[in-house]
Amino acid sequence: MAHAPPARRRRHYNASCLNNAHLTIIAAAGATPNHGLPGVGKRCRQPQPHGIVRGHMLVSSLSDPRDEIQHSKWFQRGWTYQEGILSPRRLIFIDSQVHFECSGMYCCVALNLPLRSLHTQSGHRFRAQFCDKINIGMFPRGIGTLGWEIVQRIEEYTKRQLTDSTDNLKGFLDVLHAFARSRKRVLHCAGVPMISASSQRRLGRESKPCVQELSPLTGFCRGLCWGCCTSRAA
């Protein structure tokens, strides 16, 4: 699809391409698509600070690569949001190093971590103390583990920038489709999620516990009722 018109390429840029990929290579370095991958080809990576003190080589461990990724142009663009959310495994190139993250672990080339010791006994994921709150790293586990997290995904996406305002919904459709196909079964109408009663409770809003299921119309109305949850001081 490299030579197809931009609009056509966007329609074919769907979740199946990312979900079925063994690895998604993400170019988060530079401000333009032509910047390339640092450390690959002619594009050099920033040298790692180092020095020799009394015969010992001291090498900088560099800053957390996730901070550099979050301040990159790639992280600010709306169309790239789906790359990070829908990809099961990500290899992210930044100017200083390379960062890897999947649904079970994360690592970078600057540090030689004892990965086996950081994992649980089953070896499927990192131990809880090495994870970032409910996420493993900077990305959620897939689209999220619960239906109410669709609201978080919308909040994250709407913070990003789009050159064409008519792409606001197009750039998020594959995430919405992923929620609809999942066990969470969160449907939407023109981008407005149909929030269930259980999802509303997780968002901190009152809902009658006797309500087991909602009609599509009721769920749609709940999705329209955005509000703020205020916390009380202890």
C-alpha atoms as a PDB file:
ATOM      1  CA  MET A   1       0.000   0.000   0.000  1.00  0.00           C
ATOM      2  CA  ALA A   2       3.062   2.294  -0.155  1.00  0.00           C
ATOM      3  CA  HIS A   3       1.968   3.939  -3.430  1.00  0.00           C
ATOM      4  CA  ALA A   4      -1.773   4.129  -2.716  1.00  0.00           C
ATOM      5  CA  PRO A   5      -3.453   7.510  -2.107  1.00  0.00           C
ATOM      6  CA  PRO A   6      -3.240   8.648   1.557  1.00  0.00           C
ATOM      7  CA  ALA A   7      -6.978   8.193   2.199  1.00  0.00           C
ATOM      8  CA  ARG A   8      -6.906   4.650   0.855  1.00  0.00           C
ATOM      9  CA  ARG A   9      -3.808   3.761   2.853  1.00  0.00           C
ATOM     10  CA  ARG A  10      -5.555   4.947   6.026  1.00  0.00           C
ATOM     11  CA  ARG A  11      -8.559   2.701   5.399  1.00  0.00           C
ATOM     12  CA  HIS A  12      -6.264  -0.299   5.076  1.00  0.00           C
ATOM     13  CA  TYR A  13      -4.278   0.637   8.183  1.00  0.00           C
ATOM     14  CA  ASN A  14      -6.380  -1.506  10.480  1.00  0.00           C
ATOM     15  CA  ALA A  15      -6.115  -3.462  13.674  1.00  0.00           C
ATOM     16  CA  SER A  16      -5.463  -6.820  11.994  1.00  0.00           C
ATOM     17  CA  CYS A  17      -2.125  -5.588  10.621  1.00  0.00           C
ATOM     18  CA  LEU A  18      -0.946  -4.651  14.104  1.00  0.00           C
ATOM     19  CA  ASN A  19      -2.553  -7.488  16.071  1.00  0.00           C
ATOM     20  CA  ASN A  20      -1.158 -10.183  13.772  1.00  0.00           C
ATOM     21  CA  ALA A  21       2.345  -8.734  13.533  1.00  0.00           C
ATOM     22  CA  HIS A  22       5.084 -10.600  15.401  1.00  0.00           C
ATOM     23  CA  LEU A  23       6.757  -7.260  16.088  1.00  0.00           C
ATOM     24  CA  THR A  24       5.915  -3.626  15.355  1.00  0.00           C
ATOM     25  CA  ILE A  25       8.951  -1.420  14.679  1.00  0.00           C
ATOM     26  CA  ILE A  26       8.203   2.138  15.762  1.00  0.00           C
ATOM     27  CA  ALA A  27      10.310   5.104  14.637  1.00  0.00           C
ATOM     28  CA  ALA A  28       9.922   7.569  17.510  1.00  0.00           C
ATOM     29  CA  ALA A  29      13.121   9.501  16.766  1.00  0.00           C
ATOM     30  CA  GLY A  30      13.179  12.843  15.013  1.00  0.00           C
ATOM     31  CA  ALA A  31      10.375  15.171  13.998  1.00  0.00           C
ATOM     32  CA  THR A  32       9.777  13.884  10.449  1.00  0.00           C
ATOM     33  CA  PRO A  33       9.091  10.455   8.875  1.00  0.00           C
ATOM     34  CA  ASN A  34      12.380  10.721   6.963  1.00  0.00           C
ATOM     35  CA  HIS A  35      14.516  10.749  10.104  1.00  0.00           C
ATOM     36  CA  GLY A  36      15.073   6.994   9.971  1.00  0.00           C
ATOM     37  CA  LEU A  37      16.026   4.531  12.699  1.00  0.00           C
ATOM     38  CA  PRO A  38      18.994   5.602  14.857  1.00  0.00           C
ATOM     39  CA  GLY A  39      21.654   2.899  14.819  1.00  0.00           C
ATOM     40  CA  VAL A  40      20.424   1.458  11.509  1.00  0.00           C
ATOM     41  CA  GLY A  41      22.092   2.434   8.250  1.00  0.00           C
ATOM     42  CA  LYS A  42      23.566   5.926   8.056  1.00  0.00           C
ATOM     43  CA  ARG A  43      21.506   7.350  10.914  1.00  0.00           C
ATOM     44  CA  CYS A  44      23.790   7.249  13.967  1.00  0.00           C
ATOM     45  CA  ARG A  45      22.577   6.886  17.508  1.00  0.00           C
ATOM     46  CA  GLN A  46      23.538   9.467  20.106  1.00  0.00           C
ATOM     47  CA  PRO A  47      26.780   8.339  21.799  1.00  0.00           C
ATOM     48  CA  GLN A  48      26.366   6.928  25.287  1.00  0.00           C
ATOM     49  CA  PRO A  49      28.256   9.140  27.784  1.00  0.00           C
ATOM     50  CA  HIS A  50      31.209   7.330  29.324  1.00  0.00           C
ATOM     51  CA  GLY A  51      34.572   7.954  30.937  1.00  0.00           C
ATOM     52  CA  ILE A  52      37.558   6.193  32.468  1.00  0.00           C
ATOM     53  CA  VAL A  53      38.257   6.804  36.149  1.00  0.00           C
ATOM     54  CA  ARG A  54      41.336   5.114  37.663  1.00  0.00           C
ATOM     55  CA  GLY A  55      41.273   2.405  35.054  1.00  0.00           C
ATOM     56  CA  HIS A  56      37.541   1.747  35.357  1.00  0.00           C
ATOM     57  CA  MET A  57      35.150   2.429  32.499  1.00  0.00           C
ATOM     58  CA  LEU A  58      32.046   4.252  33.729  1.00  0.00           C
ATOM     59  CA  VAL A  59      29.099   4.274  31.340  1.00  0.00           C
ATOM     60  CA  SER A  60      25.876   6.241  31.722  1.00  0.00           C
ATOM     61  CA  SER A  61      22.725   4.146  32.048  1.00  0.00           C
ATOM     62  CA  LEU A  62      20.884   6.981  30.258  1.00  0.00           C
ATOM     63  CA  SER A  63      17.524   8.359  31.290  1.00  0.00           C
ATOM     64  CA  ASP A  64      14.347   6.296  31.245  1.00  0.00           C
ATOM     65  CA  PRO A  65      13.578   5.743  27.529  1.00  0.00           C
ATOM     66  CA  ARG A  66       9.860   6.055  28.255  1.00  0.00           C
ATOM     67  CA  ASP A  67      10.350   9.730  29.115  1.00  0.00           C
ATOM     68  CA  GLU A  68      11.992  10.346  25.743  1.00  0.00           C
ATOM     69  CA  ILE A  69       9.237   8.416  23.958  1.00  0.00           C
ATOM     70  CA  GLN A  70       6.484  10.407  25.669  1.00  0.00           C
ATOM     71  CA  HIS A  71       8.109  13.668  24.537  1.00  0.00           C
ATOM     72  CA  SER A  72       8.602  12.497  20.956  1.00  0.00           C
ATOM     73  CA  LYS A  73       6.694  13.698  17.912  1.00  0.00           C
ATOM     74  CA  TRP A  74       5.485  10.119  17.380  1.00  0.00           C
ATOM     75  CA  PHE A  75       3.777  10.120  20.787  1.00  0.00           C
ATOM     76  CA  GLN A  76       2.015  13.409  20.029  1.00  0.00           C
ATOM     77  CA  ARG A  77       0.492  12.382  16.693  1.00  0.00           C
ATOM     78  CA  GLY A  78      -3.064  11.053  16.673  1.00  0.00           C
ATOM     79  CA  TRP A  79      -2.591   8.524  13.864  1.00  0.00           C
ATOM     80  CA  THR A  80       0.242   6.758  15.702  1.00  0.00           C
ATOM     81  CA  TYR A  81      -1.836   6.123  18.842  1.00  0.00           C
ATOM     82  CA  GLN A  82      -3.141   2.811  17.499  1.00  0.00           C
ATOM     83  CA  GLU A  83       0.412   1.543  16.888  1.00  0.00           C
ATOM     84  CA  GLY A  84       1.170   1.608  20.587  1.00  0.00           C
ATOM     85  CA  ILE A  85      -2.199   0.286  21.768  1.00  0.00           C
ATOM     86  CA  LEU A  86      -2.944  -2.489  19.262  1.00  0.00           C
ATOM     87  CA  SER A  87       0.578  -3.903  18.815  1.00  0.00           C
ATOM     88  CA  PRO A  88       1.316  -6.919  21.045  1.00  0.00           C
ATOM     89  CA  ARG A  89       5.090  -6.337  20.830  1.00  0.00           C
ATOM     90  CA  ARG A  90       6.780  -3.001  20.170  1.00  0.00           C
ATOM     91  CA  LEU A  91      10.399  -2.202  19.307  1.00  0.00           C
ATOM     92  CA  ILE A  92      10.705   1.564  19.657  1.00  0.00           C
ATOM     93  CA  PHE A  93      13.696   3.424  18.217  1.00  0.00           C
ATOM     94  CA  ILE A  94      14.623   6.753  19.815  1.00  0.00           C
ATOM     95  CA  ASP A  95      17.734   8.889  19.339  1.00  0.00           C
ATOM     96  CA  SER A  96      19.534   7.518  22.392  1.00  0.00           C
ATOM     97  CA  GLN A  97      18.631   3.794  22.360  1.00  0.00           C
ATOM     98  CA  VAL A  98      15.998   1.138  21.643  1.00  0.00           C
ATOM     99  CA  HIS A  99      13.099   0.214  23.936  1.00  0.00           C
ATOM    100  CA  PHE A 100      11.095  -3.039  23.802  1.00  0.00           C
ATOM    101  CA  GLU A 101       7.731  -3.579  25.445  1.00  0.00           C
ATOM    102  CA  CYS A 102       5.063  -6.277  25.240  1.00  0.00           C
ATOM    103  CA  SER A 103       2.142  -7.274  27.455  1.00  0.00           C
ATOM    104  CA  GLY A 104       4.458  -9.070  29.866  1.00  0.00           C
ATOM    105  CA  MET A 105       7.750  -7.169  30.093  1.00  0.00           C
ATOM    106  CA  TYR A 106       9.886  -4.266  28.924  1.00  0.00           C
ATOM    107  CA  CYS A 107      13.619  -3.684  28.488  1.00  0.00           C
ATOM    108  CA  CYS A 108      16.103  -1.375  26.763  1.00  0.00           C
ATOM    109  CA  VAL A 109      19.553  -1.776  25.240  1.00  0.00           C
ATOM    110  CA  ALA A 110      21.280   0.581  27.692  1.00  0.00           C
ATOM    111  CA  LEU A 111      20.763  -1.744  30.672  1.00  0.00           C
ATOM    112  CA  ASN A 112      21.565  -5.437  30.950  1.00  0.00           C
ATOM    113  CA  LEU A 113      18.782  -6.441  33.340  1.00  0.00           C
ATOM    114  CA  PRO A 114      18.362  -9.891  34.952  1.00  0.00           C
ATOM    115  CA  LEU A 115      15.088 -10.436  33.109  1.00  0.00           C
ATOM    116  CA  ARG A 116      14.538 -13.970  34.384  1.00  0.00           C
ATOM    117  CA  SER A 117      14.653 -12.739  37.988  1.00  0.00           C
ATOM    118  CA  LEU A 118      12.220  -9.918  37.248  1.00  0.00           C
ATOM    119  CA  HIS A 119       9.561 -12.310  35.930  1.00  0.00           C
ATOM    120  CA  THR A 120       7.006 -14.305  37.879  1.00  0.00           C
ATOM    121  CA  GLN A 121       7.602 -18.005  38.451  1.00  0.00           C
ATOM    122  CA  SER A 122       5.615 -18.860  35.320  1.00  0.00           C
ATOM    123  CA  GLY A 123       7.799 -16.524  33.273  1.00  0.00           C
ATOM    124  CA  HIS A 124       4.799 -14.954  31.546  1.00  0.00           C
ATOM    125  CA  ARG A 125       5.200 -11.406  32.871  1.00  0.00           C
ATOM    126  CA  PHE A 126       7.118  -9.125  35.213  1.00  0.00           C
ATOM    127  CA  ARG A 127       6.486  -9.279  38.941  1.00  0.00           C
ATOM    128  CA  ALA A 128       4.082  -6.626  40.235  1.00  0.00           C
ATOM    129  CA  GLN A 129       6.806  -4.526  41.895  1.00  0.00           C
ATOM    130  CA  PHE A 130       8.492  -3.998  38.536  1.00  0.00           C
ATOM    131  CA  CYS A 131       5.330  -2.864  36.735  1.00  0.00           C
ATOM    132  CA  ASP A 132       3.934   0.639  36.289  1.00  0.00           C
ATOM    133  CA  LYS A 133       0.744   0.520  38.372  1.00  0.00           C
ATOM    134  CA  ILE A 134      -1.855  -1.539  36.430  1.00  0.00           C
ATOM    135  CA  ASN A 135       0.262  -1.520  33.267  1.00  0.00           C
ATOM    136  CA  ILE A 136       3.439  -3.452  32.605  1.00  0.00           C
ATOM    137  CA  GLY A 137       5.201  -0.382  31.255  1.00  0.00           C
ATOM    138  CA  MET A 138       4.016   2.724  29.442  1.00  0.00           C
ATOM    139  CA  PHE A 139       1.335   0.919  27.425  1.00  0.00           C
ATOM    140  CA  PRO A 140      -1.786  -0.897  28.717  1.00  0.00           C
ATOM    141  CA  ARG A 141      -2.166  -4.645  28.333  1.00  0.00           C
ATOM    142  CA  GLY A 142      -3.796  -4.643  24.940  1.00  0.00           C
ATOM    143  CA  ILE A 143      -6.725  -2.246  24.806  1.00  0.00           C
ATOM    144  CA  GLY A 144      -7.294  -2.760  28.537  1.00  0.00           C
ATOM    145  CA  THR A 145      -8.537  -5.463  30.866  1.00  0.00           C
ATOM    146  CA  LEU A 146     -11.969  -3.954  31.634  1.00  0.00           C
ATOM    147  CA  GLY A 147     -14.685  -2.334  29.545  1.00  0.00           C
ATOM    148  CA  TRP A 148     -14.627   0.997  31.394  1.00  0.00           C
ATOM    149  CA  GLU A 149     -11.033   1.530  30.225  1.00  0.00           C
ATOM    150  CA  ILE A 150     -12.397   2.649  26.856  1.00  0.00           C
ATOM    151  CA  VAL A 151     -12.880   6.036  28.534  1.00  0.00           C
ATOM    152  CA  GLN A 152      -9.175   6.123  29.402  1.00  0.00           C
ATOM    153  CA  ARG A 153      -8.263   5.240  25.813  1.00  0.00           C
ATOM    154  CA  ILE A 154     -10.453   8.103  24.544  1.00  0.00           C
ATOM    155  CA  GLU A 155      -8.849  10.533  26.994  1.00  0.00           C
ATOM    156  CA  GLU A 156      -5.360   9.471  25.875  1.00  0.00           C
ATOM    157  CA  TYR A 157      -6.217   9.752  22.194  1.00  0.00           C
ATOM    158  CA  THR A 158      -7.882  13.169  22.401  1.00  0.00           C
ATOM    159  CA  LYS A 159      -4.706  14.645  23.908  1.00  0.00           C
ATOM    160  CA  ARG A 160      -2.909  13.955  20.625  1.00  0.00           C
ATOM    161  CA  GLN A 161      -2.687  16.106  17.518  1.00  0.00           C
ATOM    162  CA  LEU A 162      -4.230  15.564  14.086  1.00  0.00           C
ATOM    163  CA  THR A 163      -3.456  17.661  11.025  1.00  0.00           C
ATOM    164  CA  ASP A 164      -6.920  17.066   9.575  1.00  0.00           C
ATOM    165  CA  SER A 165      -9.786  17.448  12.054  1.00  0.00           C
ATOM    166  CA  THR A 166     -11.960  15.158   9.911  1.00  0.00           C
ATOM    167  CA  ASP A 167      -9.677  12.289  10.970  1.00  0.00           C
ATOM    168  CA  ASN A 168     -10.678  12.575  14.640  1.00  0.00           C
ATOM    169  CA  LEU A 169     -12.855   9.457  14.522  1.00  0.00           C
ATOM    170  CA  LYS A 170     -10.921   7.601  11.803  1.00  0.00           C
ATOM    171  CA  GLY A 171      -7.732   7.619  13.841  1.00  0.00           C
ATOM    172  CA  PHE A 172      -9.484   5.844  16.725  1.00  0.00           C
ATOM    173  CA  LEU A 173     -11.894   3.504  14.928  1.00  0.00           C
ATOM    174  CA  ASP A 174      -9.693   0.416  15.181  1.00  0.00           C
ATOM    175  CA  VAL A 175      -9.483   0.800  18.960  1.00  0.00           C
ATOM    176  CA  LEU A 176     -13.274   1.088  19.124  1.00  0.00           C
ATOM    177  CA  HIS A 177     -13.635  -2.003  16.927  1.00  0.00           C
ATOM    178  CA  ALA A 178     -11.223  -3.888  19.191  1.00  0.00           C
ATOM    179  CA  PHE A 179     -13.392  -3.111  22.233  1.00  0.00           C
ATOM    180  CA  ALA A 180     -16.502  -4.243  20.338  1.00  0.00           C
ATOM    181  CA  ARG A 181     -14.903  -7.567  19.308  1.00  0.00           C
ATOM    182  CA  SER A 182     -13.451  -8.327  22.728  1.00  0.00           C
ATOM    183  CA  ARG A 183     -15.136 -10.064  25.652  1.00  0.00           C
ATOM    184  CA  LYS A 184     -15.800  -6.615  27.095  1.00  0.00           C
ATOM    185  CA  ARG A 185     -18.230  -6.058  24.203  1.00  0.00           C
ATOM    186  CA  VAL A 186     -18.256  -2.257  24.446  1.00  0.00           C
ATOM    187  CA  LEU A 187     -20.102  -0.968  21.384  1.00  0.00           C
ATOM    188  CA  HIS A 188     -20.105   2.591  20.090  1.00  0.00           C
ATOM    189  CA  CYS A 189     -22.172   4.910  17.928  1.00  0.00           C
ATOM    190  CA  ALA A 190     -20.148   7.473  15.950  1.00  0.00           C
ATOM    191  CA  GLY A 191     -17.386   7.208  18.537  1.00  0.00           C
ATOM    192  CA  VAL A 192     -19.630   7.507  21.596  1.00  0.00           C
ATOM    193  CA  PRO A 193     -19.170   4.370  23.757  1.00  0.00           C
ATOM    194  CA  MET A 194     -22.223   2.572  25.114  1.00  0.00           C
ATOM    195  CA  ILE A 195     -21.161   2.382  28.746  1.00  0.00           C
ATOM    196  CA  SER A 196     -22.612  -0.445  30.826  1.00  0.00           C
ATOM    197  CA  ALA A 197     -23.784  -0.132  34.430  1.00  0.00           C
ATOM    198  CA  SER A 198     -20.748  -2.012  35.755  1.00  0.00           C
ATOM    199  CA  SER A 199     -18.478   0.321  33.806  1.00  0.00           C
ATOM    200  CA  GLN A 200     -20.173   3.342  35.343  1.00  0.00           C
ATOM    201  CA  ARG A 201     -19.513   1.989  38.835  1.00  0.00           C
ATOM    202  CA  ARG A 202     -15.821   1.615  38.065  1.00  0.00           C
ATOM    203  CA  LEU A 203     -15.815   5.233  36.880  1.00  0.00           C
ATOM    204  CA  GLY A 204     -17.081   6.331  40.291  1.00  0.00           C
ATOM    205  CA  ARG A 205     -20.672   7.048  39.297  1.00  0.00           C
ATOM    206  CA  GLU A 206     -23.746   5.684  40.976  1.00  0.00           C
ATOM    207  CA  SER A 207     -25.610   2.854  39.318  1.00  0.00           C
ATOM    208  CA  LYS A 208     -28.329   0.545  40.556  1.00  0.00           C
ATOM    209  CA  PRO A 209     -26.800  -2.872  41.298  1.00  0.00           C
ATOM    210  CA  CYS A 210     -29.977  -4.601  40.127  1.00  0.00           C
ATOM    211  CA  VAL A 211     -29.374  -3.466  36.528  1.00  0.00           C
ATOM    212  CA  GLN A 212     -27.762  -6.408  34.776  1.00  0.00           C
ATOM    213  CA  GLU A 213     -27.873  -5.251  31.171  1.00  0.00           C
ATOM    214  CA  LEU A 214     -28.663  -2.012  29.404  1.00  0.00           C
ATOM    215  CA  SER A 215     -30.403  -1.388  26.124  1.00  0.00           C
ATOM    216  CA  PRO A 216     -28.228   0.102  23.356  1.00  0.00           C
ATOM    217  CA  LEU A 217     -30.107   3.406  23.719  1.00  0.00           C
ATOM    218  CA  THR A 218     -29.505   3.585  27.480  1.00  0.00           C
ATOM    219  CA  GLY A 219     -25.853   2.675  27.058  1.00  0.00           C
ATOM    220  CA  PHE A 220     -25.486   5.345  24.380  1.00  0.00           C
ATOM    221  CA  CYS A 221     -27.033   7.972  26.660  1.00  0.00           C
ATOM    222  CA  ARG A 222     -24.652   6.986  29.444  1.00  0.00           C
ATOM    223  CA  GLY A 223     -21.765   7.408  27.025  1.00  0.00           C
ATOM    224  CA  LEU A 224     -22.909  10.959  26.321  1.00  0.00           C
ATOM    225  CA  CYS A 225     -23.001  11.830  30.034  1.00  0.00           C
ATOM    226  CA  TRP A 226     -19.384  12.775  30.591  1.00  0.00           C
ATOM    227  CA  GLY A 227     -18.656  14.123  34.042  1.00  0.00           C
ATOM    228  CA  CYS A 228     -15.889  14.786  36.534  1.00  0.00           C
ATOM    229  CA  CYS A 229     -15.228  12.623  39.572  1.00  0.00           C
ATOM    230  CA  THR A 230     -14.067  14.684  42.552  1.00  0.00           C
ATOM    231  CA  SER A 231     -12.195  13.061  45.422  1.00  0.00           C
ATOM    232  CA  ARG A 232     -12.893  14.028  49.012  1.00  0.00           C
ATOM    233  CA  ALA A 233     -10.045  15.036  51.242  1.00  0.00           C
ATOM    234  CA  ALA A 234      -9.386  12.642  54.094  1.00  0.00           C
END
